[in-house]
């Protein structure tokens, strides 16, 4: 079978959207809206906030993707060690936040 060269999985986009909804950004957006007291000002603020978060996440993803693409020239073992280091750091930070104080 021939594969469409544009075909790709949108799983990462779905996971990113779920994290955005579940994260603290919505709370940070809603606090100023509550202080505004006006729906006419709140909706444009929320739209601009959402666009800013979307653009920032897109930029971060592109930059991280470019970095990983450049690092692939060092080999798969190097990339695997970077991913493992980041994963262990995340686990360590999460453990510290939960139990460390």
Protein backbone atom coordinates (compact mmCIF):
# COMPACT_ATOMS: atom_id res chain seq x y z
CA UNK A 1 0.00 0.00 0.00
CA UNK A 2 1.09 3.53 -0.71
CA UNK A 3 1.12 5.84 2.24
CA UNK A 4 0.15 9.46 2.00
CA UNK A 5 3.32 11.46 2.81
CA UNK A 6 1.21 13.94 4.77
CA UNK A 7 -0.50 11.27 6.90
CA UNK A 8 0.48 11.48 10.56
CA UNK A 9 -0.94 10.90 13.99
CA UNK A 10 -2.58 13.77 15.85
CA UNK A 11 -2.18 12.10 19.25
CA UNK A 12 0.36 14.65 20.48
CA UNK A 13 -2.02 17.50 19.66
CA UNK A 14 -4.80 15.80 21.62
CA UNK A 15 -2.57 15.19 24.62
CA UNK A 16 -1.37 18.80 24.51
CA UNK A 17 -4.94 20.07 24.40
CA UNK A 18 -5.91 17.89 27.34
CA UNK A 19 -2.94 19.16 29.35
CA UNK A 20 -3.88 22.73 28.48
CA UNK A 21 -7.41 22.25 29.73
CA UNK A 22 -6.28 20.47 32.88
CA UNK A 23 -3.35 22.73 33.72
CA UNK A 24 -3.13 25.96 35.67
CA UNK A 25 -3.37 28.25 32.65
CA UNK A 26 -7.20 28.31 32.69
CA UNK A 27 -7.12 29.40 36.33
CA UNK A 28 -4.63 32.15 35.49
CA UNK A 29 -6.91 33.28 32.70
CA UNK A 30 -10.07 33.28 34.82
CA UNK A 31 -8.75 35.32 37.75
CA UNK A 32 -8.39 38.56 35.72
CA UNK A 33 -11.73 37.90 33.99
CA UNK A 34 -13.44 37.72 37.38
CA UNK A 35 -11.93 41.09 38.26
CA UNK A 36 -13.03 42.71 34.99
CA UNK A 37 -16.72 42.24 35.73
CA UNK A 38 -17.69 42.59 32.08
CA UNK A 39 -18.43 39.86 29.56
CA UNK A 40 -17.60 42.30 26.75
CA UNK A 41 -14.06 42.65 28.08
CA UNK A 42 -13.72 39.10 29.39
CA UNK A 43 -14.28 37.26 26.12
CA UNK A 44 -11.65 39.19 24.11
CA UNK A 45 -9.22 38.81 27.02
CA UNK A 46 -9.81 35.06 27.12
CA UNK A 47 -9.36 34.76 23.35
CA UNK A 48 -6.09 36.72 23.41
CA UNK A 49 -4.85 34.71 26.38
CA UNK A 50 -5.67 31.45 24.59
CA UNK A 51 -3.92 32.60 21.41
CA UNK A 52 -0.86 33.60 23.43
CA UNK A 53 -0.70 30.21 25.14
CA UNK A 54 -1.21 28.42 21.81
CA UNK A 55 1.52 30.43 20.08
CA UNK A 56 3.96 29.91 22.96
CA UNK A 57 3.34 26.15 23.02
CA UNK A 58 3.74 26.00 19.23
CA UNK A 59 7.02 27.92 19.37
CA UNK A 60 8.36 25.76 22.20
CA UNK A 61 7.40 22.57 20.36
CA UNK A 62 9.04 23.74 17.14
CA UNK A 63 12.24 24.76 18.91
CA UNK A 64 12.41 21.50 20.83
CA UNK A 65 11.73 19.53 17.64
CA UNK A 66 14.53 21.36 15.82
CA UNK A 67 16.92 20.71 18.69
CA UNK A 68 16.09 17.00 18.73
CA UNK A 69 16.46 16.80 14.94
CA UNK A 70 19.94 18.34 15.19
CA UNK A 71 20.91 16.05 18.04
CA UNK A 72 20.02 12.93 16.02
CA UNK A 73 23.32 13.29 14.18
CA UNK A 74 25.02 12.13 17.39
CA UNK A 75 23.09 8.86 17.24
CA UNK A 76 20.14 7.08 18.74
CA UNK A 77 22.00 6.22 21.95
CA UNK A 78 22.67 9.91 22.61
CA UNK A 79 18.98 10.79 22.07
CA UNK A 80 17.89 7.91 24.32
CA UNK A 81 20.24 9.12 27.07
CA UNK A 82 18.84 12.67 26.84
CA UNK A 83 15.26 11.36 27.04
CA UNK A 84 16.15 9.13 29.98
CA UNK A 85 17.83 12.01 31.81
CA UNK A 86 14.81 14.27 31.30
CA UNK A 87 12.43 11.49 32.40
CA UNK A 88 14.43 10.75 35.55
CA UNK A 89 14.64 14.47 36.33
CA UNK A 90 10.87 14.78 35.97
CA UNK A 91 10.29 11.79 38.23
CA UNK A 92 12.71 13.22 40.78
CA UNK A 93 11.09 16.65 40.72
CA UNK A 94 7.61 15.15 41.01
CA UNK A 95 8.69 12.97 43.92
CA UNK A 96 10.25 15.94 45.67
CA UNK A 97 7.10 18.03 45.15
CA UNK A 98 4.88 15.26 46.50
CA UNK A 99 6.92 14.11 49.47
CA UNK A 100 9.77 16.55 49.98
CA UNK A 101 8.08 19.37 51.60
